[in-house]
Amino acid sequence: MIPHVGPWDFSPLGYPVRLAQPLFLLLCLVGVVLGLLALVLALRRRSRVRAVLNERLSPKLTPGVSEWRPAVQGGLYGLGLLLFGFALAQPQCGSKSELMKRKGIDVVVVLDASKSMLARDVQPSRLERAKLELSTLLDELKGDRVGLIVFAGDAFIQSPLTSDYSAVKLFLRAVDPEQMPQGGSNIGAALKLSKQVLDNADRGAKERVIVLLSDGEDLFGEVNEAVDALKDGNVQVLAIGVGSEGGEPIPIFNRRGEFVDYKKDTNGETVITRLDRAGLTAIAEATGGTFFYQPRGVAMGQVVERIDQMQKSELESRVTMRYNERFQEYAVAGLALLVAGMLLLPSRRRPS
């Protein structure tokens, strides 16, 4: 694996110069070594010829053979590689300031991490499939800020609003129902906390969206209050149903991750968890959003299309320094030298 080397910046006489890919300077070293090797071989060849033949007889006995053409040819190749290496190092001379603006919307992802999300009516499980689809969402977003809220019996901020999608993915992988401090499923608390995150956003976007991934089961009854607050704040909920309406038992695992049994109620009956399609649809439609569902997966592709259609707002503007590229001149010169080296024959043809 080639190590990463950061750009090199210089300021000779106050003039900004930069090498964006300095690692390619190693190719310049190869060019220098090749040129020196050609010179050394030419000198050794000349000394050997002189040791065997008289200097005045050499042109007559070896007509057309040049002592220096191989050195010149090797030098052209070496100098060409040197210039090519310098071009690949991406020299940049001079700079100018540019105002960069980033536009997007604010998206808070609300992920259900209750024990019911361990059900396997969606492979490999409801939760793992939701994580996979959320990674797809993060790969498709362009300039939007994303926050992550996780909930079971209570809700908490796993990741604040950020445009660093790799950081959100890192927090996403850490979500585990076994680590949730309170059992149950409280969708209302998660929606309320999502609105707080959106309201507290710096330079908040015009379009604000909550992407809710859940099986829809709610055991606390705070949803209606949360939905009213979202309607007043003009926040849409794009609800994604995860699970099956037919139902599935909830598996229990030991500390080693091995299956032990299915969850039982107080009467000893196996608990069956089902997708509450009606509840998720009611949340989405009440806020002007939409409910999405795919029986054997997670309908993330449709959510991405919906987000792309929303009005983007300016979320950030900053002044950046842009350098002027100068690699073209060195690449053209290097190519010319390599072509010249190929056209130069090691020896002169004897006239007929």
Protein backbone atom coordinates (compact mmCIF):
# COMPACT_ATOMS: atom_id res chain seq x y z
CA MET A 1 0.00 0.00 0.00
CA ILE A 2 1.41 3.39 -1.01
CA PRO A 3 1.59 5.75 1.99
CA HIS A 4 -0.25 9.02 1.76
CA VAL A 5 1.90 12.15 1.67
CA GLY A 6 0.30 15.54 2.15
CA PRO A 7 0.92 18.46 -0.19
CA TRP A 8 4.14 20.46 0.06
CA ASP A 9 3.84 24.25 0.15
CA PHE A 10 6.64 26.73 -0.58
CA SER A 11 6.82 30.49 -0.91
CA PRO A 12 10.02 31.39 -2.82
CA LEU A 13 10.31 35.20 -2.88
CA GLY A 14 6.76 35.38 -1.53
CA TYR A 15 5.29 33.54 -4.53
CA PRO A 16 3.10 30.57 -3.48
CA VAL A 17 4.18 27.21 -4.92
CA ARG A 18 2.71 23.83 -4.11
CA LEU A 19 3.25 20.16 -4.94
CA ALA A 20 -0.09 18.42 -4.48
CA GLN A 21 1.29 14.86 -4.96
CA PRO A 22 4.92 14.99 -3.80
CA LEU A 23 5.20 11.18 -3.63
CA PHE A 24 5.63 11.12 -7.42
CA LEU A 25 8.94 12.93 -7.02
CA LEU A 26 10.37 9.43 -6.60
CA LEU A 27 9.89 9.04 -10.35
CA CYS A 28 12.17 12.06 -10.80
CA LEU A 29 14.80 10.19 -8.83
CA VAL A 30 14.39 7.21 -11.15
CA GLY A 31 14.95 9.52 -14.13
CA VAL A 32 18.15 10.94 -12.61
CA VAL A 33 19.48 7.44 -11.86
CA LEU A 34 18.67 6.29 -15.42
CA GLY A 35 20.50 9.28 -16.94
CA LEU A 36 23.58 8.76 -14.77
CA LEU A 37 23.59 5.03 -15.51
CA ALA A 38 23.53 5.72 -19.26
CA LEU A 39 26.49 8.10 -18.88
CA VAL A 40 28.50 5.60 -16.82
CA LEU A 41 27.85 2.77 -19.30
CA ALA A 42 28.88 5.02 -22.19
CA LEU A 43 32.16 5.92 -20.48
CA ARG A 44 32.90 2.28 -19.68
CA ARG A 45 32.17 1.28 -23.26
CA ARG A 46 34.44 4.01 -24.60
CA SER A 47 37.29 2.98 -22.32
CA ARG A 48 36.96 -0.67 -23.35
CA VAL A 49 37.01 0.21 -27.04
CA ARG A 50 40.11 2.34 -26.57
CA ALA A 51 41.76 -0.43 -24.62
CA VAL A 52 41.32 -2.85 -27.54
CA LEU A 53 41.56 -0.57 -30.58
CA ASN A 54 43.67 2.38 -31.41
CA GLU A 55 41.69 5.63 -31.14
CA ARG A 56 42.47 6.54 -34.78
CA LEU A 57 41.60 3.06 -36.08
CA SER A 58 38.30 2.78 -34.20
CA PRO A 59 36.15 4.71 -36.74
CA LYS A 60 37.48 2.58 -39.60
CA LEU A 61 37.09 -0.76 -37.84
CA THR A 62 33.65 0.01 -36.29
CA PRO A 63 31.92 2.29 -38.80
CA GLY A 64 28.58 3.73 -37.73
CA VAL A 65 29.04 2.77 -34.09
CA SER A 66 28.69 5.80 -31.82
CA GLU A 67 30.24 5.92 -28.38
CA TRP A 68 27.97 8.71 -27.13
CA ARG A 69 24.59 8.09 -28.77
CA PRO A 70 23.52 5.47 -26.18
CA ALA A 71 24.40 7.96 -23.43
CA VAL A 72 22.40 10.71 -25.13
CA GLN A 73 19.46 8.36 -25.65
CA GLY A 74 19.54 7.24 -21.98
CA GLY A 75 19.81 10.87 -20.93
CA LEU A 76 16.73 11.80 -22.96
CA TYR A 77 14.80 8.94 -21.36
CA GLY A 78 15.98 9.91 -17.90
CA LEU A 79 15.19 13.60 -18.35
CA GLY A 80 11.80 12.70 -19.82
CA LEU A 81 10.97 10.53 -16.79
CA LEU A 82 12.16 13.33 -14.50
CA LEU A 83 9.80 15.81 -16.11
CA PHE A 84 6.95 13.30 -16.11
CA GLY A 85 7.53 12.63 -12.41
CA PHE A 86 7.46 16.34 -11.69
CA ALA A 87 4.23 16.68 -13.70
CA LEU A 88 2.64 13.82 -11.72
CA ALA A 89 3.68 15.59 -8.50
CA GLN A 90 1.12 18.18 -9.66
CA PRO A 91 3.00 21.49 -9.37
CA GLN A 92 0.73 24.44 -8.63
CA CYS A 93 1.97 28.01 -8.86
CA GLY A 94 0.04 31.09 -7.89
CA SER A 95 -3.31 31.12 -6.11
CA LYS A 96 -6.59 32.95 -5.87
CA SER A 97 -9.34 33.13 -3.26
CA GLU A 98 -12.76 31.65 -4.02
CA LEU A 99 -15.99 31.75 -2.06
CA MET A 100 -17.28 28.19 -1.72
CA LYS A 101 -20.97 27.70 -0.88
CA ARG A 102 -22.47 24.42 0.25
CA LYS A 103 -26.20 23.88 -0.20
CA GLY A 104 -28.42 21.16 1.18
CA ILE A 105 -31.10 20.34 3.71
CA ASP A 106 -31.01 19.22 7.34
CA VAL A 107 -31.83 15.54 7.79
CA VAL A 108 -32.22 13.83 11.16
CA VAL A 109 -32.24 10.04 10.96
CA VAL A 110 -34.24 8.40 13.74
CA LEU A 111 -33.33 4.74 14.18
CA ASP A 112 -35.34 2.29 16.25
CA ALA A 113 -32.94 0.29 18.43
CA SER A 114 -35.50 -1.53 20.56
CA LYS A 115 -35.32 -5.31 21.07
CA SER A 116 -38.03 -5.85 18.45
CA MET A 117 -35.55 -4.68 15.78
CA LEU A 118 -33.60 -7.91 16.39
CA ALA A 119 -36.39 -9.86 14.66
CA ARG A 120 -35.28 -11.64 11.50
CA ASP A 121 -38.26 -11.25 9.21
CA VAL A 122 -35.88 -8.96 7.28
CA GLN A 123 -32.45 -10.47 6.73
CA PRO A 124 -30.05 -10.49 8.49
CA SER A 125 -32.23 -8.64 11.03
CA ARG A 126 -34.43 -5.56 11.04
CA LEU A 127 -31.73 -3.46 12.69
CA GLU A 128 -28.77 -4.65 10.60
CA ARG A 129 -30.73 -4.18 7.38
CA ALA A 130 -31.72 -0.67 8.48
CA LYS A 131 -28.04 0.14 9.18
CA LEU A 132 -27.07 -1.12 5.73
CA GLU A 133 -29.70 1.00 4.03
CA LEU A 134 -28.75 4.06 6.07
CA SER A 135 -25.17 3.66 4.85
CA THR A 136 -26.57 3.73 1.32
CA LEU A 137 -28.44 6.94 2.15
CA LEU A 138 -25.25 8.57 3.43
CA ASP A 139 -23.43 7.59 0.24
CA GLU A 140 -26.11 9.26 -1.89
CA LEU A 141 -26.47 12.56 -0.03
CA LYS A 142 -24.72 15.60 -1.50
CA GLY A 143 -24.00 18.53 0.81
CA ASP A 144 -26.83 17.83 3.26
CA ARG A 145 -26.27 17.83 7.02
CA VAL A 146 -27.20 14.61 8.79
CA GLY A 147 -27.82 13.85 12.44
CA LEU A 148 -28.51 10.47 14.05
CA ILE A 149 -30.91 9.80 16.92
CA VAL A 150 -31.34 6.35 18.41
CA PHE A 151 -34.24 5.30 20.58
CA ALA A 152 -35.76 2.45 22.53
CA GLY A 153 -37.58 3.34 25.78
CA ASP A 154 -35.76 6.68 25.65
CA ALA A 155 -34.04 8.65 22.87
CA PHE A 156 -30.58 10.19 22.67
CA ILE A 157 -28.38 11.92 20.13
CA GLN A 158 -25.90 9.47 18.62
CA SER A 159 -24.47 12.06 16.21
CA PRO A 160 -25.24 15.81 15.90
CA LEU A 161 -25.95 17.46 12.55
CA THR A 162 -22.84 17.21 10.42
CA SER A 163 -21.69 16.90 6.82
CA ASP A 164 -19.04 14.36 7.86
CA TYR A 165 -20.84 11.26 6.66
CA SER A 166 -17.99 8.92 7.60
CA ALA A 167 -18.37 10.00 11.24
CA VAL A 168 -22.12 9.29 11.12
CA LYS A 169 -21.39 5.81 9.71
CA LEU A 170 -19.01 5.20 12.59
CA PHE A 171 -21.68 6.12 15.15
CA LEU A 172 -24.23 4.05 13.23
CA ARG A 173 -22.15 0.88 13.49
CA ALA A 174 -22.05 1.28 17.28
CA VAL A 175 -25.85 1.08 17.70
CA ASP A 176 -26.78 -2.02 19.71
CA PRO A 177 -30.15 -2.78 21.40
CA GLU A 178 -28.31 -4.53 24.24
CA GLN A 179 -26.60 -1.24 25.12
CA MET A 180 -29.79 0.82 25.30
CA PRO A 181 -30.31 2.15 28.86
CA GLN A 182 -34.09 1.68 28.84
CA GLY A 183 -36.19 -0.99 27.15
CA GLY A 184 -39.39 -0.49 25.22
CA SER A 185 -40.12 1.72 22.22
CA ASN A 186 -40.84 5.45 22.50
CA ILE A 187 -41.19 6.96 19.03
CA GLY A 188 -42.68 10.17 20.42
CA ALA A 189 -39.59 10.96 22.51
CA ALA A 190 -37.35 10.38 19.48
CA LEU A 191 -39.42 12.74 17.30
CA LYS A 192 -39.38 15.46 19.98
CA LEU A 193 -35.61 15.21 20.34
CA SER A 194 -35.26 15.35 16.55
CA LYS A 195 -37.15 18.64 16.41
CA GLN A 196 -34.86 20.07 19.10
CA VAL A 197 -31.81 19.13 17.03
CA LEU A 198 -33.29 20.82 13.96
CA ASP A 199 -34.35 23.94 15.89
CA ASN A 200 -30.88 24.33 17.41
CA ALA A 201 -29.08 23.96 14.08
CA ASP A 202 -26.76 26.79 13.09
CA ARG A 203 -28.06 28.44 9.87
CA GLY A 204 -30.83 25.88 9.60
CA ALA A 205 -32.10 24.85 6.17
CA LYS A 206 -35.50 25.79 4.76
CA GLU A 207 -36.36 22.13 4.19
CA ARG A 208 -36.06 19.99 7.31
CA VAL A 209 -36.67 16.27 7.26
CA ILE A 210 -36.81 13.39 9.71
CA VAL A 211 -36.13 9.94 8.30
CA LEU A 212 -37.72 7.46 10.70
CA LEU A 213 -36.75 3.78 10.46
CA SER A 214 -38.84 1.62 12.74
CA ASP A 215 -41.27 -1.28 12.94
CA GLY A 216 -43.75 1.28 14.29
CA GLU A 217 -44.37 -0.29 17.68
CA ASP A 218 -44.86 2.43 20.31
CA LEU A 219 -45.41 1.66 24.00
CA PHE A 220 -45.46 5.15 25.53
CA GLY A 221 -48.19 7.11 23.70
CA GLU A 222 -46.29 10.39 23.14
CA VAL A 223 -46.53 10.31 19.35
CA ASN A 224 -49.49 12.66 18.89
CA GLU A 225 -47.85 15.43 20.93
CA ALA A 226 -44.63 15.04 18.96
CA VAL A 227 -46.43 15.07 15.62
CA ASP A 228 -48.24 18.32 16.50
CA ALA A 229 -44.89 19.95 17.30
CA LEU A 230 -43.43 18.80 13.97
CA LYS A 231 -46.43 20.16 12.06
CA ASP A 232 -46.00 23.56 13.73
CA GLY A 233 -42.29 23.53 12.85
CA ASN A 234 -42.91 22.51 9.22
CA VAL A 235 -40.83 19.35 9.58
CA GLN A 236 -41.64 16.40 7.35
CA VAL A 237 -41.32 12.80 8.47
CA LEU A 238 -40.32 10.21 5.90
CA ALA A 239 -41.25 7.01 7.68
CA ILE A 240 -39.71 3.74 6.54
CA GLY A 241 -41.34 0.56 7.71
CA VAL A 242 -38.97 -2.24 8.73
CA GLY A 243 -40.38 -5.70 9.33
CA SER A 244 -43.39 -7.76 8.28
CA GLU A 245 -47.06 -7.37 9.05
CA GLY A 246 -47.34 -11.11 9.61
CA GLY A 247 -45.12 -10.90 12.69
CA GLU A 248 -41.93 -12.49 13.96
CA PRO A 249 -40.67 -13.63 17.39
CA ILE A 250 -37.91 -11.61 19.08
CA PRO A 251 -34.70 -13.63 19.53
CA ILE A 252 -32.64 -13.52 22.73
CA PHE A 253 -28.84 -13.86 22.59
CA ASN A 254 -26.25 -14.51 25.27
CA ARG A 255 -23.10 -12.43 25.79
CA ARG A 256 -21.27 -14.42 23.11
CA GLY A 257 -23.95 -13.53 20.56
CA GLU A 258 -25.39 -17.06 20.51
CA PHE A 259 -29.13 -17.61 20.16
CA VAL A 260 -30.74 -18.72 23.43
CA ASP A 261 -34.51 -18.44 23.11
CA TYR A 262 -37.35 -16.20 22.00
CA LYS A 263 -38.71 -13.43 24.21
CA LYS A 264 -41.72 -14.46 26.35
CA ASP A 265 -44.46 -12.38 27.99
CA THR A 266 -45.59 -12.67 31.62
CA ASN A 267 -47.80 -15.63 30.70
CA GLY A 268 -44.92 -17.51 29.15
CA GLU A 269 -46.16 -16.96 25.59
CA THR A 270 -43.74 -16.08 22.80
CA VAL A 271 -43.89 -12.37 21.98
CA ILE A 272 -44.63 -11.61 18.32
CA THR A 273 -43.54 -8.27 16.90
CA ARG A 274 -45.40 -6.87 13.89
CA LEU A 275 -44.95 -3.89 11.61
CA ASP A 276 -47.42 -1.15 12.58
CA ARG A 277 -48.01 0.13 9.07
CA ALA A 278 -51.01 2.26 10.05
CA GLY A 279 -49.14 4.03 12.86
CA LEU A 280 -46.13 4.93 10.70
CA THR A 281 -48.38 6.07 7.85
CA ALA A 282 -50.33 8.33 10.22
CA ILE A 283 -47.09 9.97 11.49
CA ALA A 284 -45.80 10.60 7.97
CA GLU A 285 -49.02 11.92 6.45
CA ALA A 286 -49.77 14.19 9.42
CA THR A 287 -46.47 16.03 8.86
CA GLY A 288 -46.76 16.20 5.07
CA GLY A 289 -44.34 13.32 4.60
CA THR A 290 -44.67 9.85 3.13
CA PHE A 291 -44.58 6.26 4.34
CA PHE A 292 -42.26 3.89 2.45
CA TYR A 293 -42.22 0.13 2.63
CA GLN A 294 -40.69 -2.85 0.87
CA PRO A 295 -41.77 -6.28 2.14
CA ARG A 296 -38.33 -7.91 1.92
CA GLY A 297 -36.06 -4.95 2.54
CA VAL A 298 -35.89 -1.24 3.29
CA ALA A 299 -37.23 1.33 0.81
CA MET A 300 -34.24 3.69 0.97
CA GLY A 301 -33.97 4.38 -2.78
CA GLN A 302 -37.33 6.15 -2.81
CA VAL A 303 -36.32 8.23 0.20
CA VAL A 304 -33.16 9.41 -1.58
CA GLU A 305 -35.24 10.49 -4.60
CA ARG A 306 -37.62 12.41 -2.32
CA ILE A 307 -34.74 14.23 -0.58
CA ASP A 308 -33.14 15.14 -3.93
CA GLN A 309 -36.34 16.90 -4.98
CA MET A 310 -36.41 19.18 -1.93
CA GLN A 311 -35.31 22.80 -1.99
CA LYS A 312 -31.66 23.19 -1.01
CA SER A 313 -30.55 26.05 1.23
CA GLU A 314 -27.13 27.57 1.77
CA LEU A 315 -25.77 25.84 4.86
CA GLU A 316 -22.18 27.04 4.78
CA SER A 317 -19.96 29.50 2.94
CA ARG A 318 -16.21 29.83 3.29
CA VAL A 319 -13.26 31.33 1.50
CA THR A 320 -10.84 28.76 0.06
CA MET A 321 -7.50 29.11 -1.69
CA ARG A 322 -7.29 27.67 -5.20
CA TYR A 323 -3.93 27.07 -6.86
CA ASN A 324 -3.25 27.30 -10.59
CA GLU A 325 -2.20 24.00 -12.17
CA ARG A 326 1.14 23.96 -14.00
CA PHE A 327 1.69 20.25 -14.68
CA GLN A 328 0.77 20.46 -18.37
CA GLU A 329 4.01 22.15 -19.45
CA TYR A 330 6.19 19.54 -17.76
CA ALA A 331 4.13 16.63 -19.12
CA VAL A 332 4.42 17.93 -22.72
CA ALA A 333 8.16 18.51 -22.37
CA GLY A 334 8.65 15.04 -20.86
CA LEU A 335 6.72 13.43 -23.71
CA ALA A 336 8.82 15.31 -26.28
CA LEU A 337 12.05 14.06 -24.71
CA LEU A 338 10.82 10.45 -24.58
CA VAL A 339 9.84 10.62 -28.27
CA ALA A 340 13.23 12.12 -29.13
CA GLY A 341 14.93 9.27 -27.26
CA MET A 342 12.96 6.68 -29.25
CA LEU A 343 13.84 8.37 -32.56
CA LEU A 344 17.55 8.55 -31.74
CA LEU A 345 19.26 5.35 -32.93
CA PRO A 346 22.15 3.99 -30.83
CA SER A 347 24.39 3.96 -33.93
CA ARG A 348 24.57 5.74 -37.29
CA ARG A 349 23.59 3.81 -40.33
CA ARG A 350 26.48 3.20 -42.67
CA PRO A 351 25.94 5.03 -45.98
CA SER A 352 25.49 2.69 -48.93
